[in-house]
Amino acid sequence: MERCKVAIFTVESKGRVNIPTLQRSNIPTTMTDKHLLILNSHQIDQKITRIAYQILEDNFEEEEIMVAGILPSGEKVAARIKAILDEIAPFKSNLIGIELDKQSSSLKATINFDIRDCSNKVVILVDDVMNSGKTLAYGFGVFRDVPLKKLRTAVLIDRNHKRFPMTTDYAGMALSTVLKEHVDVILDEDGEEDGVYLR
């Protein structure tokens, strides 16, 4: 719903959120047919592990945090972060998912959790790649009316092409690219090895 061009949204009982539209490089290791390998499987694991330790250091005294992954790839990164936190952290971590309709002129988000469960908790919003910052801005909107204790962002790749005033609190890698280039993150896909590619 839009009134006087002020964005508002409502959370329905079934967990659907309707939101009006808001609208460093690393040395590459391998070249495939049309892709430049930026991070291999081992390097991805290292980056995600480092992010998990940074989250631990920043939230050591918490009892519980929410790790919110933006589907599809952001949730895969979030699941790996949670798995590491389960091993190293004294607090409980919960994995939650946010599905965004990025093509809709009036953005819609579907969530798989009760938004009230995030009240007065730390939320880590996770995506695989940050380009313009638009996706994370939409993700922030989901929690806009929830009294969070703290909201942080984590991405595997930060491309430094921000068009929205978004920053990454935890980034696996900052990658300076030109706008016409594209970053592909391959995680947990059948028949393919994990990797981050530039094309």
C-alpha atoms as a PDB file:
ATOM      1  CA  MET A   1       0.000   0.000   0.000  1.00  0.00           C
ATOM      2  CA  GLU A   2       1.297   3.459  -0.864  1.00  0.00           C
ATOM      3  CA  ARG A   3       0.178   6.796   0.527  1.00  0.00           C
ATOM      4  CA  CYS A   4       1.825  10.086  -0.377  1.00  0.00           C
ATOM      5  CA  LYS A   5       4.787   8.106  -1.713  1.00  0.00           C
ATOM      6  CA  VAL A   6       5.702   6.906   1.778  1.00  0.00           C
ATOM      7  CA  ALA A   7       6.609   3.224   1.784  1.00  0.00           C
ATOM      8  CA  ILE A   8       4.728   1.084   4.292  1.00  0.00           C
ATOM      9  CA  PHE A   9       4.174  -2.646   4.541  1.00  0.00           C
ATOM     10  CA  THR A  10       2.153  -5.156   6.471  1.00  0.00           C
ATOM     11  CA  VAL A  11       3.023  -8.627   7.701  1.00  0.00           C
ATOM     12  CA  GLU A  12       0.162 -11.045   7.152  1.00  0.00           C
ATOM     13  CA  SER A  13      -0.488 -13.993   9.434  1.00  0.00           C
ATOM     14  CA  LYS A  14       0.859 -16.485   6.895  1.00  0.00           C
ATOM     15  CA  GLY A  15       4.236 -14.806   6.930  1.00  0.00           C
ATOM     16  CA  ARG A  16       3.905 -12.740   3.740  1.00  0.00           C
ATOM     17  CA  VAL A  17       5.313  -9.239   3.688  1.00  0.00           C
ATOM     18  CA  ASN A  18       4.172  -6.720   1.077  1.00  0.00           C
ATOM     19  CA  ILE A  19       6.595  -3.874   0.549  1.00  0.00           C
ATOM     20  CA  PRO A  20       6.327  -1.111  -2.074  1.00  0.00           C
ATOM     21  CA  THR A  21       9.349  -0.664  -4.306  1.00  0.00           C
ATOM     22  CA  LEU A  22      12.249   1.232  -2.799  1.00  0.00           C
ATOM     23  CA  GLN A  23      14.091   1.386  -5.422  1.00  0.00           C
ATOM     24  CA  ARG A  24      39.375  -5.702  -3.451  1.00  0.00           C
ATOM     25  CA  SER A  25      40.103  -7.535  -5.365  1.00  0.00           C
ATOM     26  CA  ASN A  26      41.671 -11.034  -5.177  1.00  0.00           C
ATOM     27  CA  ILE A  27      44.079 -12.750  -7.546  1.00  0.00           C
ATOM     28  CA  PRO A  28      42.060 -14.980  -9.893  1.00  0.00           C
ATOM     29  CA  THR A  29      43.132 -18.605  -9.912  1.00  0.00           C
ATOM     30  CA  THR A  30      41.587 -20.341 -12.918  1.00  0.00           C
ATOM     31  CA  MET A  31      39.892 -19.524 -16.226  1.00  0.00           C
ATOM     32  CA  THR A  32      37.034 -21.727 -17.451  1.00  0.00           C
ATOM     33  CA  ASP A  33      35.265 -21.373 -20.829  1.00  0.00           C
ATOM     34  CA  LYS A  34      33.797 -17.934 -20.132  1.00  0.00           C
ATOM     35  CA  HIS A  35      34.354 -17.592 -16.424  1.00  0.00           C
ATOM     36  CA  LEU A  36      37.210 -16.442 -14.260  1.00  0.00           C
ATOM     37  CA  LEU A  37      37.420 -18.368 -10.993  1.00  0.00           C
ATOM     38  CA  ILE A  38      37.687 -15.886  -8.120  1.00  0.00           C
ATOM     39  CA  LEU A  39      37.238 -18.226  -5.148  1.00  0.00           C
ATOM     40  CA  ASN A  40      37.456 -21.995  -5.115  1.00  0.00           C
ATOM     41  CA  SER A  41      35.653 -24.277  -2.667  1.00  0.00           C
ATOM     42  CA  HIS A  42      38.412 -24.137  -0.042  1.00  0.00           C
ATOM     43  CA  GLN A  43      38.657 -20.349  -0.251  1.00  0.00           C
ATOM     44  CA  ILE A  44      34.881 -20.007   0.116  1.00  0.00           C
ATOM     45  CA  ASP A  45      35.036 -22.110   3.287  1.00  0.00           C
ATOM     46  CA  GLN A  46      37.802 -19.878   4.630  1.00  0.00           C
ATOM     47  CA  LYS A  47      35.832 -16.685   3.934  1.00  0.00           C
ATOM     48  CA  ILE A  48      32.642 -18.011   5.517  1.00  0.00           C
ATOM     49  CA  THR A  49      34.547 -19.274   8.560  1.00  0.00           C
ATOM     50  CA  ARG A  50      36.097 -15.839   9.029  1.00  0.00           C
ATOM     51  CA  ILE A  51      32.637 -14.216   8.803  1.00  0.00           C
ATOM     52  CA  ALA A  52      31.332 -16.632  11.448  1.00  0.00           C
ATOM     53  CA  TYR A  53      34.173 -15.742  13.812  1.00  0.00           C
ATOM     54  CA  GLN A  54      33.534 -12.023  13.265  1.00  0.00           C
ATOM     55  CA  ILE A  55      29.863 -12.557  14.122  1.00  0.00           C
ATOM     56  CA  LEU A  56      30.929 -14.464  17.248  1.00  0.00           C
ATOM     57  CA  GLU A  57      33.246 -11.655  18.358  1.00  0.00           C
ATOM     58  CA  ASP A  58      30.545  -9.041  17.789  1.00  0.00           C
ATOM     59  CA  ASN A  59      27.835 -10.987  19.631  1.00  0.00           C
ATOM     60  CA  PHE A  60      29.711 -13.039  22.211  1.00  0.00           C
ATOM     61  CA  GLU A  61      27.439 -12.070  25.100  1.00  0.00           C
ATOM     62  CA  GLU A  62      24.178 -12.808  23.284  1.00  0.00           C
ATOM     63  CA  GLU A  63      22.015 -15.779  24.176  1.00  0.00           C
ATOM     64  CA  GLU A  64      20.418 -16.160  20.751  1.00  0.00           C
ATOM     65  CA  ILE A  65      20.793 -14.684  17.264  1.00  0.00           C
ATOM     66  CA  MET A  66      18.818 -14.998  14.036  1.00  0.00           C
ATOM     67  CA  VAL A  67      20.732 -15.690  10.810  1.00  0.00           C
ATOM     68  CA  ALA A  68      18.438 -14.532   7.991  1.00  0.00           C
ATOM     69  CA  GLY A  69      19.437 -15.725   4.526  1.00  0.00           C
ATOM     70  CA  ILE A  70      18.023 -14.181   1.355  1.00  0.00           C
ATOM     71  CA  LEU A  71      16.969 -16.999  -0.968  1.00  0.00           C
ATOM     72  CA  PRO A  72      18.320 -18.747  -2.834  1.00  0.00           C
ATOM     73  CA  SER A  73      22.093 -18.304  -2.520  1.00  0.00           C
ATOM     74  CA  GLY A  74      22.058 -16.048   0.537  1.00  0.00           C
ATOM     75  CA  GLU A  75      20.324 -18.772   2.526  1.00  0.00           C
ATOM     76  CA  LYS A  76      23.037 -21.247   1.508  1.00  0.00           C
ATOM     77  CA  VAL A  77      25.708 -18.886   2.827  1.00  0.00           C
ATOM     78  CA  ALA A  78      23.624 -18.309   5.966  1.00  0.00           C
ATOM     79  CA  ALA A  79      23.277 -22.062   6.553  1.00  0.00           C
ATOM     80  CA  ARG A  80      27.051 -22.470   6.428  1.00  0.00           C
ATOM     81  CA  ILE A  81      27.560 -19.563   8.809  1.00  0.00           C
ATOM     82  CA  LYS A  82      25.054 -21.095  11.223  1.00  0.00           C
ATOM     83  CA  ALA A  83      26.762 -24.504  11.035  1.00  0.00           C
ATOM     84  CA  ILE A  84      30.082 -22.939  12.064  1.00  0.00           C
ATOM     85  CA  LEU A  85      28.462 -20.859  14.795  1.00  0.00           C
ATOM     86  CA  ASP A  86      26.862 -24.027  16.184  1.00  0.00           C
ATOM     87  CA  GLU A  87      30.378 -25.394  16.686  1.00  0.00           C
ATOM     88  CA  ILE A  88      32.159 -22.318  18.044  1.00  0.00           C
ATOM     89  CA  ALA A  89      29.595 -20.031  19.662  1.00  0.00           C
ATOM     90  CA  PRO A  90      28.136 -20.200  23.168  1.00  0.00           C
ATOM     91  CA  PHE A  91      24.851 -18.748  21.937  1.00  0.00           C
ATOM     92  CA  LYS A  92      22.029 -20.359  19.985  1.00  0.00           C
ATOM     93  CA  SER A  93      21.681 -19.451  16.308  1.00  0.00           C
ATOM     94  CA  ASN A  94      18.509 -19.849  14.276  1.00  0.00           C
ATOM     95  CA  LEU A  95      18.393 -20.033  10.472  1.00  0.00           C
ATOM     96  CA  ILE A  96      15.517 -18.174   8.823  1.00  0.00           C
ATOM     97  CA  GLY A  97      14.801 -17.490   5.152  1.00  0.00           C
ATOM     98  CA  ILE A  98      13.552 -14.512   3.171  1.00  0.00           C
ATOM     99  CA  GLU A  99      12.361 -14.847  -0.426  1.00  0.00           C
ATOM    100  CA  LEU A 100      12.197 -11.579  -2.366  1.00  0.00           C
ATOM    101  CA  ASP A 101      10.357 -10.926  -5.611  1.00  0.00           C
ATOM    102  CA  LYS A 102      12.957  -8.605  -7.102  1.00  0.00           C
ATOM    103  CA  GLN A 103      11.093  -8.224 -10.403  1.00  0.00           C
ATOM    104  CA  SER A 104       7.879  -6.914  -8.887  1.00  0.00           C
ATOM    105  CA  SER A 105       7.189  -3.185  -9.116  1.00  0.00           C
ATOM    106  CA  SER A 106       5.732  -3.529  -5.615  1.00  0.00           C
ATOM    107  CA  LEU A 107       8.219  -5.715  -3.816  1.00  0.00           C
ATOM    108  CA  LYS A 108       6.900  -8.773  -2.031  1.00  0.00           C
ATOM    109  CA  ALA A 109       8.764 -10.895   0.478  1.00  0.00           C
ATOM    110  CA  THR A 110       7.828 -14.332   1.746  1.00  0.00           C
ATOM    111  CA  ILE A 111       9.250 -15.392   5.084  1.00  0.00           C
ATOM    112  CA  ASN A 112       9.361 -18.848   6.688  1.00  0.00           C
ATOM    113  CA  PHE A 113       9.180 -17.636  10.283  1.00  0.00           C
ATOM    114  CA  ASP A 114       7.061 -15.572  12.624  1.00  0.00           C
ATOM    115  CA  ILE A 115       8.501 -12.067  12.421  1.00  0.00           C
ATOM    116  CA  ARG A 116       7.708 -11.579  16.119  1.00  0.00           C
ATOM    117  CA  ASP A 117      10.299 -14.234  16.981  1.00  0.00           C
ATOM    118  CA  CYS A 118      12.977 -11.689  16.021  1.00  0.00           C
ATOM    119  CA  SER A 119      11.877  -9.111  18.592  1.00  0.00           C
ATOM    120  CA  ASN A 120      14.708  -7.906  20.820  1.00  0.00           C
ATOM    121  CA  LYS A 121      17.186 -10.227  19.124  1.00  0.00           C
ATOM    122  CA  VAL A 122      20.258  -9.781  16.948  1.00  0.00           C
ATOM    123  CA  VAL A 123      19.534 -10.425  13.265  1.00  0.00           C
ATOM    124  CA  ILE A 124      22.284 -11.099  10.729  1.00  0.00           C
ATOM    125  CA  LEU A 125      20.954 -10.464   7.202  1.00  0.00           C
ATOM    126  CA  VAL A 126      22.937 -12.614   4.742  1.00  0.00           C
ATOM    127  CA  ASP A 127      23.272 -12.586   0.953  1.00  0.00           C
ATOM    128  CA  ASP A 128      25.821 -14.060  -1.424  1.00  0.00           C
ATOM    129  CA  VAL A 129      26.717 -10.938  -3.424  1.00  0.00           C
ATOM    130  CA  MET A 130      26.139  -7.253  -2.730  1.00  0.00           C
ATOM    131  CA  ASN A 131      25.861  -5.231  -5.917  1.00  0.00           C
ATOM    132  CA  SER A 132      23.818  -2.035  -5.657  1.00  0.00           C
ATOM    133  CA  GLY A 133      22.571  -2.699  -2.131  1.00  0.00           C
ATOM    134  CA  LYS A 134      18.963  -2.942  -3.302  1.00  0.00           C
ATOM    135  CA  THR A 135      18.399  -6.521  -2.142  1.00  0.00           C
ATOM    136  CA  LEU A 136      19.708  -5.827   1.351  1.00  0.00           C
ATOM    137  CA  ALA A 137      17.585  -2.670   1.482  1.00  0.00           C
ATOM    138  CA  TYR A 138      14.506  -4.785   0.771  1.00  0.00           C
ATOM    139  CA  GLY A 139      15.640  -7.265   3.397  1.00  0.00           C
ATOM    140  CA  PHE A 140      15.909  -4.456   5.945  1.00  0.00           C
ATOM    141  CA  GLY A 141      12.315  -3.542   5.152  1.00  0.00           C
ATOM    142  CA  VAL A 142      11.077  -6.904   6.394  1.00  0.00           C
ATOM    143  CA  PHE A 143      12.272  -6.013   9.902  1.00  0.00           C
ATOM    144  CA  ARG A 144      11.353  -2.339   9.837  1.00  0.00           C
ATOM    145  CA  ASP A 145       8.559  -2.528  12.408  1.00  0.00           C
ATOM    146  CA  VAL A 146      10.241  -5.116  14.630  1.00  0.00           C
ATOM    147  CA  PRO A 147      12.102  -3.902  17.741  1.00  0.00           C
ATOM    148  CA  LEU A 148      15.420  -5.590  17.011  1.00  0.00           C
ATOM    149  CA  LYS A 149      18.359  -5.474  19.380  1.00  0.00           C
ATOM    150  CA  LYS A 150      20.790  -5.211  16.477  1.00  0.00           C
ATOM    151  CA  LEU A 151      20.738  -5.708  12.685  1.00  0.00           C
ATOM    152  CA  ARG A 152      23.915  -6.584  10.806  1.00  0.00           C
ATOM    153  CA  THR A 153      24.682  -7.546   7.204  1.00  0.00           C
ATOM    154  CA  ALA A 154      26.950 -10.291   5.896  1.00  0.00           C
ATOM    155  CA  VAL A 155      27.859 -11.059   2.280  1.00  0.00           C
ATOM    156  CA  LEU A 156      30.328 -13.395   0.665  1.00  0.00           C
ATOM    157  CA  ILE A 157      31.225 -10.879  -2.083  1.00  0.00           C
ATOM    158  CA  ASP A 158      30.936  -7.077  -1.871  1.00  0.00           C
ATOM    159  CA  ARG A 159      31.201  -5.618  -5.396  1.00  0.00           C
ATOM    160  CA  ASN A 160      31.357  -1.943  -4.369  1.00  0.00           C
ATOM    161  CA  HIS A 161      28.637  -0.758  -6.782  1.00  0.00           C
ATOM    162  CA  LYS A 162      26.260   0.710  -4.222  1.00  0.00           C
ATOM    163  CA  ARG A 163      23.234   2.722  -5.336  1.00  0.00           C
ATOM    164  CA  PHE A 164      21.557   2.383  -1.939  1.00  0.00           C
ATOM    165  CA  PRO A 165      23.042   3.554   1.378  1.00  0.00           C
ATOM    166  CA  MET A 166      23.863   0.028   2.516  1.00  0.00           C
ATOM    167  CA  THR A 167      27.069  -1.194   4.112  1.00  0.00           C
ATOM    168  CA  THR A 168      28.345  -4.665   4.853  1.00  0.00           C
ATOM    169  CA  ASP A 169      29.334  -5.424   8.420  1.00  0.00           C
ATOM    170  CA  TYR A 170      30.904  -8.767   7.525  1.00  0.00           C
ATOM    171  CA  ALA A 171      32.227  -9.382   3.999  1.00  0.00           C
ATOM    172  CA  GLY A 172      34.193 -12.372   2.805  1.00  0.00           C
ATOM    173  CA  MET A 173      35.799 -10.421  -0.018  1.00  0.00           C
ATOM    174  CA  ALA A 174      35.599  -6.946  -1.561  1.00  0.00           C
ATOM    175  CA  LEU A 175      35.777  -7.196  -5.343  1.00  0.00           C
ATOM    176  CA  SER A 176      36.223  -4.187  -7.609  1.00  0.00           C
ATOM    177  CA  THR A 177      34.546  -4.887 -10.953  1.00  0.00           C
ATOM    178  CA  VAL A 178      32.924  -2.986 -13.801  1.00  0.00           C
ATOM    179  CA  LEU A 179      29.134  -2.863 -13.946  1.00  0.00           C
ATOM    180  CA  LYS A 180      28.856  -5.038 -17.074  1.00  0.00           C
ATOM    181  CA  GLU A 181      30.634  -7.913 -15.320  1.00  0.00           C
ATOM    182  CA  HIS A 182      28.642 -10.476 -13.391  1.00  0.00           C
ATOM    183  CA  VAL A 183      29.542 -12.533 -10.323  1.00  0.00           C
ATOM    184  CA  ASP A 184      28.194 -16.085 -10.089  1.00  0.00           C
ATOM    185  CA  VAL A 185      28.246 -17.904  -6.750  1.00  0.00           C
ATOM    186  CA  ILE A 186      27.920 -21.675  -7.057  1.00  0.00           C
ATOM    187  CA  LEU A 187      27.064 -23.398  -3.777  1.00  0.00           C
ATOM    188  CA  ASP A 188      25.651 -26.868  -3.160  1.00  0.00           C
ATOM    189  CA  GLU A 189      24.579 -27.439  -6.764  1.00  0.00           C
ATOM    190  CA  ASP A 190      24.418 -30.992  -8.106  1.00  0.00           C
ATOM    191  CA  GLY A 191      27.317 -31.899 -10.339  1.00  0.00           C
ATOM    192  CA  GLU A 192      29.161 -28.623  -9.802  1.00  0.00           C
ATOM    193  CA  GLU A 193      32.010 -27.745  -7.500  1.00  0.00           C
ATOM    194  CA  ASP A 194      31.539 -24.739  -5.240  1.00  0.00           C
ATOM    195  CA  GLY A 195      33.106 -21.602  -6.644  1.00  0.00           C
ATOM    196  CA  VAL A 196      32.758 -17.882  -7.235  1.00  0.00           C
ATOM    197  CA  TYR A 197      33.141 -16.841 -10.876  1.00  0.00           C
ATOM    198  CA  LEU A 198      33.439 -13.551 -12.722  1.00  0.00           C
ATOM    199  CA  ARG A 199      32.038 -13.324 -16.241  1.00  0.00           C
END
